[in-house]
Amino acid sequence: MNQVRELLEFQLHRSAVVSAWLGYGEPLFLEFTKSSRRECGDSSADSSECKFETNFATWSVEGPICGNSKGDNRDCLESACQSLVGAIVDDLELSADAVLTIRFEKDLVLRIIPWPVTDGHSDAWSLTLPDDTILAVSNSGQVAIVEQHTPIKDWFADKS
């Protein structure tokens, strides 16, 4: 997991959340950029962008607006999700069981906790990198780096 943490750190440290939204069933989608021009509204800016998404994981936001996907209603989750827009990544932690904690400036924290493996083996969260490869982490802690066109069902397939 150290290599995954280093890759996450390289891609996300000092990045800003430029958009955030919820999908059906409340998975969280975030878009990060390191470009200060994009933060200022110049959508034509040449920037390194990453797209983050949760799937088989719960997520929570701690800060001025809190929300937890495990029990809060959609309106609360939307507010928590939107509170991340403009936040700049200050630090992150990745545990051996694939719990990801992203700390932003101004005491804002996003925590992603994979669902138990007893709920079935699947992707917990992923990060699409600027070169369109995907760093995927399963709820069992498996890690895969795959091409964007690779079907999700093949992300953690046995390669032997």
Protein backbone atom coordinates (compact mmCIF):
# COMPACT_ATOMS: atom_id res chain seq x y z
CA MET A 1 0.00 0.00 0.00
CA ASN A 2 3.00 2.31 0.35
CA GLN A 3 3.35 2.62 -3.44
CA VAL A 4 -0.36 3.39 -3.75
CA ARG A 5 -0.08 6.04 -1.05
CA GLU A 6 2.92 7.57 -2.83
CA LEU A 7 1.03 7.67 -6.13
CA LEU A 8 -1.99 9.24 -4.43
CA GLU A 9 0.24 11.77 -2.72
CA PHE A 10 1.96 12.64 -6.01
CA GLN A 11 -1.35 13.08 -7.84
CA LEU A 12 -3.47 14.74 -5.17
CA HIS A 13 -1.27 16.72 -2.79
CA ARG A 14 -2.03 20.44 -3.21
CA SER A 15 -4.76 19.61 -5.75
CA ALA A 16 -8.09 21.40 -5.55
CA VAL A 17 -11.52 19.82 -5.86
CA VAL A 18 -13.09 21.56 -8.86
CA SER A 19 -16.30 19.57 -9.01
CA ALA A 20 -18.18 17.12 -6.82
CA TRP A 21 -21.41 15.21 -7.32
CA LEU A 22 -23.34 12.17 -6.16
CA GLY A 23 -24.38 9.27 -8.32
CA TYR A 24 -27.37 6.98 -8.01
CA GLY A 25 -27.11 5.25 -4.64
CA GLU A 26 -24.85 8.05 -3.34
CA PRO A 27 -21.40 7.12 -4.67
CA LEU A 28 -19.16 10.18 -4.51
CA PHE A 29 -17.48 11.63 -7.61
CA LEU A 30 -14.74 14.26 -7.36
CA GLU A 31 -12.61 16.00 -9.94
CA PHE A 32 -9.21 17.34 -8.81
CA THR A 33 -6.84 19.70 -10.58
CA LYS A 34 -3.45 21.19 -9.80
CA SER A 35 -3.98 24.10 -12.19
CA SER A 36 -4.55 27.42 -10.48
CA ARG A 37 -6.01 28.78 -13.75
CA ARG A 38 -8.76 26.13 -13.67
CA GLU A 39 -9.56 27.09 -10.09
CA CYS A 40 -10.12 30.61 -11.34
CA GLY A 41 -12.67 29.44 -13.89
CA ASP A 42 -10.53 29.10 -17.03
CA SER A 43 -11.81 25.76 -18.33
CA SER A 44 -9.36 25.87 -21.25
CA ALA A 45 -6.40 25.72 -18.89
CA ASP A 46 -3.85 22.99 -19.45
CA SER A 47 -4.04 21.12 -16.16
CA SER A 48 -3.42 17.72 -14.69
CA GLU A 49 -6.80 16.43 -13.64
CA CYS A 50 -7.73 13.34 -11.71
CA LYS A 51 -11.19 11.91 -11.24
CA PHE A 52 -11.99 10.08 -8.02
CA GLU A 53 -15.00 7.89 -7.36
CA THR A 54 -16.31 5.62 -4.67
CA ASN A 55 -18.30 2.51 -5.40
CA PHE A 56 -18.56 -0.26 -2.82
CA ALA A 57 -17.55 2.01 0.04
CA THR A 58 -19.09 4.40 2.51
CA TRP A 59 -17.79 7.94 2.69
CA SER A 60 -18.03 10.75 5.16
CA VAL A 61 -17.14 14.42 5.29
CA GLU A 62 -16.10 16.05 8.54
CA GLY A 63 -15.99 19.82 8.71
CA PRO A 64 -18.37 22.77 8.84
CA ILE A 65 -20.85 20.65 6.86
CA CYS A 66 -20.79 16.97 7.79
CA GLY A 67 -22.31 14.00 6.04
CA ASN A 68 -22.07 10.22 6.13
CA SER A 69 -23.26 8.05 3.25
CA LYS A 70 -24.11 5.27 5.69
CA GLY A 71 -27.11 7.01 7.16
CA ASP A 72 -27.66 10.61 6.12
CA ASN A 73 -30.33 11.67 3.64
CA ARG A 74 -29.47 12.76 0.13
CA ASP A 75 -29.89 16.50 0.84
CA CYS A 76 -27.36 16.27 3.68
CA LEU A 77 -24.98 14.26 1.47
CA GLU A 78 -25.31 16.78 -1.38
CA SER A 79 -24.39 19.60 1.00
CA ALA A 80 -21.40 17.66 2.36
CA CYS A 81 -20.34 16.76 -1.17
CA GLN A 82 -20.54 20.37 -2.35
CA SER A 83 -18.59 21.57 0.69
CA LEU A 84 -15.54 19.86 -0.85
CA VAL A 85 -15.54 22.08 -3.96
CA GLY A 86 -12.60 24.45 -3.76
CA ALA A 87 -10.91 22.47 -0.98
CA ILE A 88 -7.17 21.88 -1.40
CA VAL A 89 -5.62 18.56 -0.38
CA ASP A 90 -3.19 18.98 2.49
CA ASP A 91 -2.46 15.36 3.42
CA LEU A 92 -3.75 11.84 3.03
CA GLU A 93 -3.59 8.52 4.81
CA LEU A 94 -4.12 5.04 3.41
CA SER A 95 -4.51 2.14 5.83
CA ALA A 96 -3.65 -1.50 5.12
CA ASP A 97 -7.37 -2.25 4.80
CA ALA A 98 -7.76 0.43 2.08
CA VAL A 99 -9.42 3.10 4.22
CA LEU A 100 -8.51 6.40 2.57
CA THR A 101 -8.51 9.63 4.56
CA ILE A 102 -8.00 12.87 2.66
CA ARG A 103 -7.31 15.93 4.78
CA PHE A 104 -7.95 19.30 3.20
CA GLU A 105 -6.97 22.75 4.34
CA LYS A 106 -9.33 24.40 6.84
CA ASP A 107 -10.02 21.22 8.86
CA LEU A 108 -12.07 19.44 6.21
CA VAL A 109 -11.72 15.64 6.10
CA LEU A 110 -13.02 13.07 3.61
CA ARG A 111 -12.91 9.42 4.69
CA ILE A 112 -13.65 6.46 2.39
CA ILE A 113 -14.23 3.08 4.04
CA PRO A 114 -14.55 0.01 1.79
CA TRP A 115 -17.52 -2.24 2.39
CA PRO A 116 -16.72 -5.56 4.08
CA VAL A 117 -15.57 -8.34 1.78
CA THR A 118 -18.51 -10.39 3.07
CA ASP A 119 -20.66 -8.11 0.89
CA GLY A 120 -18.80 -9.45 -2.17
CA HIS A 121 -15.44 -8.64 -3.72
CA SER A 122 -15.58 -5.44 -5.74
CA ASP A 123 -14.05 -2.04 -6.36
CA ALA A 124 -14.20 0.22 -3.33
CA TRP A 125 -12.76 3.38 -4.88
CA SER A 126 -10.70 4.46 -7.84
CA LEU A 127 -8.71 7.37 -9.19
CA THR A 128 -8.49 8.07 -12.92
CA LEU A 129 -5.08 9.57 -13.55
CA PRO A 130 -4.27 12.35 -16.06
CA ASP A 131 -3.02 9.74 -18.57
CA ASP A 132 -6.43 7.98 -18.34
CA THR A 133 -5.12 4.94 -16.49
CA ILE A 134 -7.08 3.98 -13.41
CA LEU A 135 -5.74 3.23 -9.95
CA ALA A 136 -8.37 0.95 -8.43
CA VAL A 137 -8.59 -0.41 -4.89
CA SER A 138 -10.89 -3.27 -3.95
CA ASN A 139 -12.73 -3.76 -0.71
CA SER A 140 -10.26 -6.57 0.08
CA GLY A 141 -7.32 -4.19 -0.32
CA GLN A 142 -6.24 -5.41 -3.75
CA VAL A 143 -4.74 -2.74 -5.99
CA ALA A 144 -4.84 -2.59 -9.77
CA ILE A 145 -3.64 -0.09 -12.32
CA VAL A 146 -5.62 -0.63 -15.49
CA GLU A 147 -6.34 1.04 -18.79
CA GLN A 148 -9.51 3.15 -18.88
CA HIS A 149 -11.26 0.79 -21.31
CA THR A 150 -10.78 -2.26 -19.03
CA PRO A 151 -14.16 -3.53 -17.78
CA ILE A 152 -14.57 -3.17 -14.01
CA LYS A 153 -15.17 -6.92 -13.69
CA ASP A 154 -11.58 -7.44 -14.93
CA TRP A 155 -9.86 -4.91 -12.67
CA PHE A 156 -8.97 -7.45 -10.00
CA ALA A 157 -9.00 -10.62 -12.10
CA ASP A 158 -6.28 -13.16 -11.40
CA LYS A 159 -3.54 -12.42 -13.92
CA SER A 160 -1.80 -15.81 -13.57
